[in-house]
C-alpha atoms as a PDB file:
ATOM      1  CA  MET A   1     203.085-148.662 -94.011  1.00  0.00           C
ATOM      2  CA  GLU A   2     205.838-146.430 -92.169  1.00  0.00           C
ATOM      3  CA  PRO A   3     207.853-144.363 -93.803  1.00  0.00           C
ATOM      4  CA  ARG A   4     210.777-145.876 -92.982  1.00  0.00           C
ATOM      5  CA  GLU A   5     209.254-149.201 -94.785  1.00  0.00           C
ATOM      6  CA  LEU A   6     208.618-147.042 -97.899  1.00  0.00           C
ATOM      7  CA  ASP A   7     212.266-145.457 -97.788  1.00  0.00           C
ATOM      8  CA  ALA A   8     213.659-149.060 -98.016  1.00  0.00           C
ATOM      9  CA  GLY A   9     212.321-149.062-101.477  1.00  0.00           C
ATOM     10  CA  ARG A  10     213.296-145.530-102.323  1.00  0.00           C
ATOM     11  CA  HIS A  11     215.238-144.709-105.472  1.00  0.00           C
ATOM     12  CA  SER A  12     216.386-141.825-107.448  1.00  0.00           C
ATOM     13  CA  VAL A  13     216.608-141.363-111.309  1.00  0.00           C
ATOM     14  CA  SER A  14     217.955-138.610-113.560  1.00  0.00           C
ATOM     15  CA  THR A  15     215.313-137.607-116.169  1.00  0.00           C
ATOM     16  CA  LYS A  16     215.021-134.683-118.751  1.00  0.00           C
ATOM     17  CA  SER A  17     213.026-132.936-116.073  1.00  0.00           C
ATOM     18  CA  GLY A  18     215.925-133.499-113.374  1.00  0.00           C
ATOM     19  CA  GLU A  19     216.370-135.952-110.542  1.00  0.00           C
ATOM     20  CA  ILE A  20     213.245-137.357-109.247  1.00  0.00           C
ATOM     21  CA  SER A  21     212.897-139.258-106.028  1.00  0.00           C
ATOM     22  CA  TYR A  22     210.369-142.206-106.062  1.00  0.00           C
ATOM     23  CA  ILE A  23     209.348-145.534-103.823  1.00  0.00           C
ATOM     24  CA  ASP A  24     209.454-148.520-105.809  1.00  0.00           C
ATOM     25  CA  ILE A  25     207.690-151.482-104.086  1.00  0.00           C
ATOM     26  CA  GLY A  26     205.848-154.811-105.173  1.00  0.00           C
ATOM     27  CA  THR A  27     206.277-157.075-108.064  1.00  0.00           C
ATOM     28  CA  GLY A  28     203.685-157.313-111.346  1.00  0.00           C
ATOM     29  CA  PRO A  29     202.568-154.629-113.863  1.00  0.00           C
ATOM     30  CA  ALA A  30     203.505-151.032-113.179  1.00  0.00           C
ATOM     31  CA  ALA A  31     200.847-148.756-111.201  1.00  0.00           C
ATOM     32  CA  LEU A  32     202.317-145.111-110.770  1.00  0.00           C
ATOM     33  CA  PHE A  33     200.696-142.911-107.984  1.00  0.00           C
ATOM     34  CA  VAL A  34     200.869-139.287-108.427  1.00  0.00           C
ATOM     35  CA  HIS A  35     200.172-136.796-105.399  1.00  0.00           C
ATOM     36  CA  GLY A  36     199.220-133.142-105.177  1.00  0.00           C
ATOM     37  CA  VAL A  37     200.634-130.227-103.928  1.00  0.00           C
ATOM     38  CA  GLY A  38     202.009-129.940-100.701  1.00  0.00           C
ATOM     39  CA  THR A  39     202.098-133.624-100.027  1.00  0.00           C
ATOM     40  CA  ASN A  40     204.551-136.201-101.361  1.00  0.00           C
ATOM     41  CA  ALA A  41     204.979-140.077-102.133  1.00  0.00           C
ATOM     42  CA  TYR A  42     203.895-140.716 -98.510  1.00  0.00           C
ATOM     43  CA  LEU A  43     200.428-139.847 -99.443  1.00  0.00           C
ATOM     44  CA  TRP A  44     199.881-143.151-100.759  1.00  0.00           C
ATOM     45  CA  ARG A  45     201.560-145.217 -97.906  1.00  0.00           C
ATOM     46  CA  ASN A  46     198.410-147.000 -96.511  1.00  0.00           C
ATOM     47  CA  VAL A  47     197.506-148.040-100.077  1.00  0.00           C
ATOM     48  CA  ILE A  48     200.280-149.211-101.891  1.00  0.00           C
ATOM     49  CA  GLY A  49     201.380-151.935 -99.220  1.00  0.00           C
ATOM     50  CA  PRO A  50     198.475-154.060 -99.833  1.00  0.00           C
ATOM     51  CA  LEU A  51     198.753-153.470-103.352  1.00  0.00           C
ATOM     52  CA  ALA A  52     202.314-154.545-103.675  1.00  0.00           C
ATOM     53  CA  THR A  53     201.198-158.279-103.890  1.00  0.00           C
ATOM     54  CA  VAL A  54     199.646-157.304-107.659  1.00  0.00           C
ATOM     55  CA  ARG A  55     201.471-154.484-108.623  1.00  0.00           C
ATOM     56  CA  ARG A  56     205.031-152.787-109.060  1.00  0.00           C
ATOM     57  CA  CYS A  57     203.791-149.624-106.985  1.00  0.00           C
ATOM     58  CA  LEU A  58     205.816-146.669-107.940  1.00  0.00           C
ATOM     59  CA  ALA A  59     204.770-143.271-105.736  1.00  0.00           C
ATOM     60  CA  ILE A  60     206.852-140.430-107.210  1.00  0.00           C
ATOM     61  CA  ASP A  61     207.817-137.246-105.508  1.00  0.00           C
ATOM     62  CA  LEU A  62     207.233-134.586-107.801  1.00  0.00           C
ATOM     63  CA  PRO A  63     209.646-131.911-108.108  1.00  0.00           C
ATOM     64  CA  LEU A  64     209.833-129.580-104.653  1.00  0.00           C
ATOM     65  CA  HIS A  65     207.988-132.218-102.957  1.00  0.00           C
ATOM     66  CA  GLY A  66     209.343-134.841-100.818  1.00  0.00           C
ATOM     67  CA  GLN A  67     212.958-135.598-101.865  1.00  0.00           C
ATOM     68  CA  SER A  68     212.640-134.544-105.447  1.00  0.00           C
ATOM     69  CA  PRO A  69     214.815-131.254-105.768  1.00  0.00           C
ATOM     70  CA  VAL A  70     213.412-128.127-107.697  1.00  0.00           C
ATOM     71  CA  SER A  71     215.700-126.213-110.247  1.00  0.00           C
ATOM     72  CA  PRO A  72     215.870-122.496-110.117  1.00  0.00           C
ATOM     73  CA  GLY A  73     213.200-121.003-112.432  1.00  0.00           C
ATOM     74  CA  GLN A  74     212.031-124.749-113.200  1.00  0.00           C
ATOM     75  CA  ASP A  75     208.347-124.656-115.025  1.00  0.00           C
ATOM     76  CA  LEU A  76     206.061-125.837-112.484  1.00  0.00           C
ATOM     77  CA  SER A  77     202.637-125.526-114.272  1.00  0.00           C
ATOM     78  CA  VAL A  78     200.525-128.382-114.404  1.00  0.00           C
ATOM     79  CA  ALA A  79     201.598-129.121-118.100  1.00  0.00           C
ATOM     80  CA  ALA A  80     205.354-128.815-116.950  1.00  0.00           C
ATOM     81  CA  LEU A  81     204.652-131.462-114.316  1.00  0.00           C
ATOM     82  CA  ALA A  82     202.780-133.722-116.685  1.00  0.00           C
ATOM     83  CA  THR A  83     206.213-133.483-118.566  1.00  0.00           C
ATOM     84  CA  VAL A  84     207.893-134.615-115.398  1.00  0.00           C
ATOM     85  CA  LEU A  85     205.791-137.829-115.617  1.00  0.00           C
ATOM     86  CA  GLU A  86     206.650-138.551-119.173  1.00  0.00           C
ATOM     87  CA  ASP A  87     210.101-138.107-118.371  1.00  0.00           C
ATOM     88  CA  PHE A  88     209.804-140.192-115.380  1.00  0.00           C
ATOM     89  CA  CYS A  89     208.149-143.067-117.247  1.00  0.00           C
ATOM     90  CA  ASP A  90     211.035-142.675-120.280  1.00  0.00           C
ATOM     91  CA  ALA A  91     213.722-142.931-117.589  1.00  0.00           C
ATOM     92  CA  LEU A  92     212.316-146.112-116.184  1.00  0.00           C
ATOM     93  CA  GLY A  93     211.044-147.548-119.467  1.00  0.00           C
ATOM     94  CA  LEU A  94     207.654-148.000-118.106  1.00  0.00           C
ATOM     95  CA  ALA A  95     204.812-148.641-120.747  1.00  0.00           C
ATOM     96  CA  SER A  96     201.323-149.774-120.041  1.00  0.00           C
ATOM     97  CA  ILE A  97     200.849-148.283-116.669  1.00  0.00           C
ATOM     98  CA  ASP A  98     198.011-148.055-114.207  1.00  0.00           C
ATOM     99  CA  LEU A  99     197.848-144.380-113.272  1.00  0.00           C
ATOM    100  CA  VAL A 100     196.422-143.465-109.955  1.00  0.00           C
ATOM    101  CA  ALA A 101     196.281-139.759-108.954  1.00  0.00           C
ATOM    102  CA  ASN A 102     195.099-137.624-106.172  1.00  0.00           C
ATOM    103  CA  ASP A 103     194.418-133.455-105.802  1.00  0.00           C
ATOM    104  CA  THR A 104     196.658-131.598-108.022  1.00  0.00           C
ATOM    105  CA  GLY A 105     198.024-134.745-109.066  1.00  0.00           C
ATOM    106  CA  GLY A 106     195.017-135.624-110.730  1.00  0.00           C
ATOM    107  CA  ALA A 107     195.276-132.386-112.838  1.00  0.00           C
ATOM    108  CA  VAL A 108     198.630-133.218-114.035  1.00  0.00           C
ATOM    109  CA  ALA A 109     197.595-136.817-114.830  1.00  0.00           C
ATOM    110  CA  GLN A 110     194.584-135.627-116.777  1.00  0.00           C
ATOM    111  CA  VAL A 111     197.228-133.868-118.875  1.00  0.00           C
ATOM    112  CA  PHE A 112     199.602-136.930-118.924  1.00  0.00           C
ATOM    113  CA  ALA A 113     196.740-139.351-120.019  1.00  0.00           C
ATOM    114  CA  ALA A 114     195.478-136.838-122.873  1.00  0.00           C
ATOM    115  CA  ARG A 115     198.932-136.894-124.232  1.00  0.00           C
ATOM    116  CA  ASN A 116     200.028-140.407-123.726  1.00  0.00           C
ATOM    117  CA  SER A 117     196.995-142.623-123.844  1.00  0.00           C
ATOM    118  CA  ARG A 118     198.661-145.453-125.400  1.00  0.00           C
ATOM    119  CA  ARG A 119     200.961-145.806-122.284  1.00  0.00           C
ATOM    120  CA  LEU A 120     197.923-146.503-120.123  1.00  0.00           C
ATOM    121  CA  ALA A 121     196.478-149.847-119.140  1.00  0.00           C
ATOM    122  CA  THR A 122     194.181-148.004-116.656  1.00  0.00           C
ATOM    123  CA  PHE A 123     193.303-144.765-115.381  1.00  0.00           C
ATOM    124  CA  THR A 124     191.990-143.788-111.756  1.00  0.00           C
ATOM    125  CA  LEU A 125     191.185-140.250-110.325  1.00  0.00           C
ATOM    126  CA  THR A 126     190.395-139.675-106.973  1.00  0.00           C
ATOM    127  CA  ASN A 127     189.408-136.119-105.661  1.00  0.00           C
ATOM    128  CA  CYS A 128     191.210-133.909-107.852  1.00  0.00           C
ATOM    129  CA  ASP A 129     191.215-130.415-109.559  1.00  0.00           C
ATOM    130  CA  THR A 130     189.737-130.410-113.129  1.00  0.00           C
ATOM    131  CA  GLU A 131     189.023-128.077-115.888  1.00  0.00           C
ATOM    132  CA  GLY A 132     186.777-125.673-114.559  1.00  0.00           C
ATOM    133  CA  ASN A 133     187.686-126.214-110.830  1.00  0.00           C
ATOM    134  CA  LEU A 134     191.375-124.986-110.815  1.00  0.00           C
ATOM    135  CA  PRO A 135     192.546-123.952-108.528  1.00  0.00           C
ATOM    136  CA  PRO A 136     189.345-124.772-106.535  1.00  0.00           C
ATOM    137  CA  ASP A 137     187.430-121.323-105.044  1.00  0.00           C
ATOM    138  CA  GLY A 138     188.101-122.764-101.584  1.00  0.00           C
ATOM    139  CA  PHE A 139     191.708-122.835-102.342  1.00  0.00           C
ATOM    140  CA  LYS A 140     192.223-119.407-104.210  1.00  0.00           C
ATOM    141  CA  PRO A 141     192.660-117.543-100.986  1.00  0.00           C
ATOM    142  CA  ILE A 142     195.906-119.272-100.892  1.00  0.00           C
ATOM    143  CA  VAL A 143     196.786-118.855-104.176  1.00  0.00           C
ATOM    144  CA  ASP A 144     196.448-115.083-103.800  1.00  0.00           C
ATOM    145  CA  MET A 145     198.631-115.148-100.706  1.00  0.00           C
ATOM    146  CA  ALA A 146     201.404-116.673-102.932  1.00  0.00           C
ATOM    147  CA  ALA A 147     200.776-114.173-105.439  1.00  0.00           C
ATOM    148  CA  ALA A 148     201.159-111.350-102.926  1.00  0.00           C
ATOM    149  CA  GLY A 149     204.380-112.890-101.490  1.00  0.00           C
ATOM    150  CA  GLU A 150     202.339-113.505 -98.125  1.00  0.00           C
ATOM    151  CA  LEU A 151     202.318-116.936 -98.125  1.00  0.00           C
ATOM    152  CA  ALA A 152     206.058-117.730 -97.479  1.00  0.00           C
ATOM    153  CA  PRO A 153     206.436-115.875 -94.273  1.00  0.00           C
ATOM    154  CA  ALA A 154     203.232-117.237 -92.891  1.00  0.00           C
ATOM    155  CA  MET A 155     204.153-120.785 -93.449  1.00  0.00           C
ATOM    156  CA  ALA A 156     207.564-120.136 -91.882  1.00  0.00           C
ATOM    157  CA  ALA A 157     205.872-118.967 -88.816  1.00  0.00           C
ATOM    158  CA  MET A 158     203.490-121.643 -88.750  1.00  0.00           C
ATOM    159  CA  MET A 159     206.247-124.550 -88.994  1.00  0.00           C
ATOM    160  CA  GLU A 160     207.277-123.607 -85.465  1.00  0.00           C
ATOM    161  CA  ASP A 161     203.973-125.395 -84.514  1.00  0.00           C
ATOM    162  CA  ILE A 162     203.462-128.343 -86.686  1.00  0.00           C
ATOM    163  CA  THR A 163     199.975-129.165 -84.975  1.00  0.00           C
ATOM    164  CA  ALA A 164     198.930-125.383 -86.179  1.00  0.00           C
ATOM    165  CA  ALA A 165     200.552-126.104 -89.502  1.00  0.00           C
ATOM    166  CA  ARG A 166     198.394-129.446 -89.655  1.00  0.00           C
ATOM    167  CA  ASP A 167     195.206-127.610 -89.015  1.00  0.00           C
ATOM    168  CA  ALA A 168     195.902-124.501 -91.147  1.00  0.00           C
ATOM    169  CA  ALA A 169     197.038-126.279 -94.227  1.00  0.00           C
ATOM    170  CA  PHE A 170     195.429-129.489 -93.866  1.00  0.00           C
ATOM    171  CA  GLY A 171     192.395-129.552 -91.637  1.00  0.00           C
ATOM    172  CA  SER A 172     189.832-129.492 -94.001  1.00  0.00           C
ATOM    173  CA  ALA A 173     191.677-132.189 -96.363  1.00  0.00           C
ATOM    174  CA  TYR A 174     191.191-134.723 -93.413  1.00  0.00           C
ATOM    175  CA  GLU A 175     188.188-136.483 -91.847  1.00  0.00           C
ATOM    176  CA  HIS A 176     190.115-136.649 -88.772  1.00  0.00           C
ATOM    177  CA  PRO A 177     192.809-134.220 -88.502  1.00  0.00           C
ATOM    178  CA  ALA A 178     193.698-134.673 -85.091  1.00  0.00           C
ATOM    179  CA  ASP A 179     194.488-138.348 -85.761  1.00  0.00           C
ATOM    180  CA  THR A 180     197.106-137.353 -88.445  1.00  0.00           C
ATOM    181  CA  ASP A 181     200.578-138.175 -87.455  1.00  0.00           C
ATOM    182  CA  PRO A 182     202.488-134.705 -87.069  1.00  0.00           C
ATOM    183  CA  GLU A 183     205.621-136.066 -88.436  1.00  0.00           C
ATOM    184  CA  ILE A 184     203.837-137.076 -91.706  1.00  0.00           C
ATOM    185  CA  ILE A 185     202.572-133.386 -91.740  1.00  0.00           C
ATOM    186  CA  ARG A 186     205.965-132.303 -91.135  1.00  0.00           C
ATOM    187  CA  ALA A 187     207.549-135.018 -93.965  1.00  0.00           C
ATOM    188  CA  TYR A 188     204.803-133.017 -96.406  1.00  0.00           C
ATOM    189  CA  LEU A 189     205.589-129.438 -95.533  1.00  0.00           C
ATOM    190  CA  GLU A 190     209.273-129.278 -94.661  1.00  0.00           C
ATOM    191  CA  PRO A 191     210.228-129.942 -98.276  1.00  0.00           C
ATOM    192  CA  CYS A 192     207.860-127.072 -99.750  1.00  0.00           C
ATOM    193  CA  VAL A 193     208.181-124.645 -97.247  1.00  0.00           C
ATOM    194  CA  GLY A 194     211.111-125.344 -94.973  1.00  0.00           C
ATOM    195  CA  THR A 195     213.478-122.582 -95.936  1.00  0.00           C
ATOM    196  CA  PRO A 196     212.751-119.494 -97.255  1.00  0.00           C
ATOM    197  CA  GLU A 197     213.888-120.462-100.576  1.00  0.00           C
ATOM    198  CA  ARG A 198     211.640-123.322-100.898  1.00  0.00           C
ATOM    199  CA  ALA A 199     208.836-121.612 -99.511  1.00  0.00           C
ATOM    200  CA  ARG A 200     209.164-118.879-102.226  1.00  0.00           C
ATOM    201  CA  GLU A 201     209.590-121.540-105.162  1.00  0.00           C
ATOM    202  CA  PHE A 202     206.434-122.895-103.610  1.00  0.00           C
ATOM    203  CA  GLU A 203     204.718-119.443-104.070  1.00  0.00           C
ATOM    204  CA  ARG A 204     205.712-120.003-107.662  1.00  0.00           C
ATOM    205  CA  LEU A 205     204.204-123.230-108.041  1.00  0.00           C
ATOM    206  CA  LEU A 206     201.046-122.144-106.758  1.00  0.00           C
ATOM    207  CA  THR A 207     200.769-119.120-108.977  1.00  0.00           C
ATOM    208  CA  SER A 208     201.563-121.480-112.082  1.00  0.00           C
ATOM    209  CA  LEU A 209     198.252-123.313-111.686  1.00  0.00           C
ATOM    210  CA  ASP A 210     196.907-122.246-114.821  1.00  0.00           C
ATOM    211  CA  PRO A 211     193.167-123.565-115.860  1.00  0.00           C
ATOM    212  CA  GLY A 212     194.406-123.087-119.173  1.00  0.00           C
ATOM    213  CA  ASP A 213     196.503-126.567-119.191  1.00  0.00           C
ATOM    214  CA  LEU A 214     193.371-128.578-118.482  1.00  0.00           C
ATOM    215  CA  LYS A 215     191.347-126.452-121.114  1.00  0.00           C
ATOM    216  CA  ALA A 216     193.960-127.223-123.742  1.00  0.00           C
ATOM    217  CA  VAL A 217     193.634-131.143-123.372  1.00  0.00           C
ATOM    218  CA  GLU A 218     189.905-131.235-123.144  1.00  0.00           C
ATOM    219  CA  PRO A 219     189.573-132.267-126.690  1.00  0.00           C
ATOM    220  CA  GLN A 220     191.792-135.343-126.193  1.00  0.00           C
ATOM    221  CA  LEU A 221     190.132-136.014-122.989  1.00  0.00           C
ATOM    222  CA  ARG A 222     187.013-136.425-124.700  1.00  0.00           C
ATOM    223  CA  GLU A 223     188.175-139.035-126.711  1.00  0.00           C
ATOM    224  CA  LEU A 224     190.025-140.818-124.026  1.00  0.00           C
ATOM    225  CA  GLN A 225     189.075-144.501-124.219  1.00  0.00           C
ATOM    226  CA  VAL A 226     191.337-145.524-121.574  1.00  0.00           C
ATOM    227  CA  PRO A 227     189.402-147.767-118.890  1.00  0.00           C
ATOM    228  CA  THR A 228     189.086-145.142-116.125  1.00  0.00           C
ATOM    229  CA  LEU A 229     187.960-145.236-112.605  1.00  0.00           C
ATOM    230  CA  VAL A 230     186.565-142.333-110.521  1.00  0.00           C
ATOM    231  CA  VAL A 231     186.619-142.871-106.558  1.00  0.00           C
ATOM    232  CA  TRP A 232     185.572-139.593-104.855  1.00  0.00           C
ATOM    233  CA  GLY A 233     185.233-138.478-101.173  1.00  0.00           C
ATOM    234  CA  ASP A 234     181.538-136.987-101.186  1.00  0.00           C
ATOM    235  CA  ASP A 235     182.407-134.541 -98.153  1.00  0.00           C
ATOM    236  CA  ASP A 236     185.257-132.351 -99.912  1.00  0.00           C
ATOM    237  CA  PRO A 237     185.159-128.719 -99.461  1.00  0.00           C
ATOM    238  CA  PHE A 238     187.172-128.197-102.419  1.00  0.00           C
ATOM    239  CA  MET A 239     186.559-130.903-104.916  1.00  0.00           C
ATOM    240  CA  ASP A 240     182.530-131.046-104.651  1.00  0.00           C
ATOM    241  CA  VAL A 241     181.404-134.638-105.664  1.00  0.00           C
ATOM    242  CA  SER A 242     179.832-133.172-108.527  1.00  0.00           C
ATOM    243  CA  TRP A 243     183.363-132.818-110.295  1.00  0.00           C
ATOM    244  CA  ALA A 244     183.369-136.644-110.293  1.00  0.00           C
ATOM    245  CA  TYR A 245     180.132-136.897-112.411  1.00  0.00           C
ATOM    246  CA  TRP A 246     182.051-133.870-114.476  1.00  0.00           C
ATOM    247  CA  LEU A 247     185.031-136.595-115.141  1.00  0.00           C
ATOM    248  CA  ARG A 248     182.404-139.326-116.189  1.00  0.00           C
ATOM    249  CA  ASP A 249     180.730-137.234-118.522  1.00  0.00           C
ATOM    250  CA  THR A 250     183.706-136.167-120.236  1.00  0.00           C
ATOM    251  CA  ILE A 251     185.854-139.013-120.253  1.00  0.00           C
ATOM    252  CA  PRO A 252     184.042-141.886-122.357  1.00  0.00           C
ATOM    253  CA  GLY A 253     186.524-144.356-120.761  1.00  0.00           C
ATOM    254  CA  VAL A 254     185.000-143.995-117.543  1.00  0.00           C
ATOM    255  CA  THR A 255     183.343-147.284-116.215  1.00  0.00           C
ATOM    256  CA  LYS A 256     182.305-146.739-112.624  1.00  0.00           C
ATOM    257  CA  VAL A 257     182.152-143.416-110.447  1.00  0.00           C
ATOM    258  CA  VAL A 258     182.548-144.801-106.668  1.00  0.00           C
ATOM    259  CA  THR A 259     181.651-142.088-103.955  1.00  0.00           C
ATOM    260  CA  VAL A 260     183.059-142.328-100.463  1.00  0.00           C
ATOM    261  CA  ASP A 261     180.401-141.684 -97.879  1.00  0.00           C
ATOM    262  CA  GLY A 262     181.868-138.592 -95.468  1.00  0.00           C
ATOM    263  CA  GLY A 263     185.530-138.983 -97.321  1.00  0.00           C
ATOM    264  CA  LYS A 264     187.653-135.935 -97.743  1.00  0.00           C
ATOM    265  CA  LEU A 265     190.364-135.011-100.022  1.00  0.00           C
ATOM    266  CA  PHE A 266     192.857-137.382 -98.642  1.00  0.00           C
ATOM    267  CA  PHE A 267     190.810-140.211 -98.124  1.00  0.00           C
ATOM    268  CA  PRO A 268     193.150-142.543 -99.726  1.00  0.00           C
ATOM    269  CA  GLU A 269     195.626-141.905 -96.715  1.00  0.00           C
ATOM    270  CA  GLU A 270     192.805-141.992 -94.231  1.00  0.00           C
ATOM    271  CA  ARG A 271     190.703-144.567 -95.556  1.00  0.00           C
ATOM    272  CA  PRO A 272     192.477-146.688 -97.970  1.00  0.00           C
ATOM    273  CA  GLY A 273     190.291-149.544 -98.075  1.00  0.00           C
ATOM    274  CA  ASP A 274     187.747-147.604 -99.703  1.00  0.00           C
ATOM    275  CA  LEU A 275     190.146-146.837-102.635  1.00  0.00           C
ATOM    276  CA  ILE A 276     191.916-150.449-102.703  1.00  0.00           C
ATOM    277  CA  ALA A 277     188.824-152.424-103.163  1.00  0.00           C
ATOM    278  CA  PRO A 278     187.436-150.708-106.322  1.00  0.00           C
ATOM    279  CA  LEU A 279     190.928-150.340-107.602  1.00  0.00           C
ATOM    280  CA  THR A 280     191.594-154.059-107.328  1.00  0.00           C
ATOM    281  CA  GLU A 281     188.335-154.704-108.838  1.00  0.00           C
ATOM    282  CA  HIS A 282     188.967-152.277-111.950  1.00  0.00           C
ATOM    283  CA  TRP A 283     192.606-153.756-112.348  1.00  0.00           C
ATOM    284  CA  ALA A 284     191.290-157.169-112.545  1.00  0.00           C
ATOM    285  CA  ALA A 285     188.491-156.211-114.825  1.00  0.00           C
ATOM    286  CA  HIS A 286     191.049-154.476-117.513  1.00  0.00           C
ATOM    287  CA  PRO A 287     194.373-156.218-117.013  1.00  0.00           C
ATOM    288  CA  ALA A 288     197.455-154.358-118.140  1.00  0.00           C
ATOM    289  CA  HIS A 289     199.152-156.125-121.164  1.00  0.00           C
END
C-alpha cells in the first residue's frame, strides 16, 4: 500500500505514555505490528494491506518516530517502549492480539510478551535484537557516535542528500537499497533527525539501548508458551540467523523457524510475501479467541 492509502486509516490516541499515532486497517482479530529504531509504521505497508481481509491490522509509530511525538526527557529505553505498547493496548481495549515485530521493535515486543503473555494470541518475530545482541555489534559504532554527540550533526548534513542518507543509514538493511523509494526513507528519517532537537532525542534513544532490559525478562521468556513464529532473513549483517535459533531455544512457545534466503533486516518491506505466507499459516493454526 502507498503511504497515502495507509494514512487514510491513521488515528491518534492519548495514552499514559503520551499521544500515539497508528494505522488501523482491516477487520477481524487485532494484529499489532511494531517497527524498530529509525523506521515507523510504514515499514509494514506491504504486509498489512494483503492481511487486512483477515485481521484488524494496527501499525504503531513509537515515540519520536512517524507521527508520534516525544516528550522532553521521556524514557526511551526498551523497557519503557514496552510500557508504551501496554498503554496503547489499554487505551484501545486490545486483548488476545497477534503481535508482530521487527528490529528493535522485536526487543520491545519480547519485553511486552514477557510481561503480558495473557494478552497475546500469537507472537511473531522477524530479524530483531535479542538478549546478547542488543545493540548488535555492527550497530555499536552508531551508538558510540550518539554517545559522543556526533550523530546529530552528521545526520543533519546527510539529510541534504536523501540518497546518501539512505545508503548510509539503511544500505545494509535492504537487499536492494537502490530500489527503495527515497520518499519512504525521508518519511523514516525526518521525524527522528529532521530537526536539531529531534536529532538529539534520537541520540538519547540510541544510548538508552540497555541489554539489561532483555536480560531482566529472560526468565519469563523461557516460560513463554504463546505460539511463536520466527521468520528471519539469513543475510542480515546485524542479526545473524543464529539468533533466530537462539529464540527457538529460549522461548518454549516457538513452533517454527522460517529462514528467508538472502533476506536482510527489512525483508518484510522488500519481500512481504516471505512473511505473509508463514504468518497467515501461523494465525490459522492458532486462531485468536
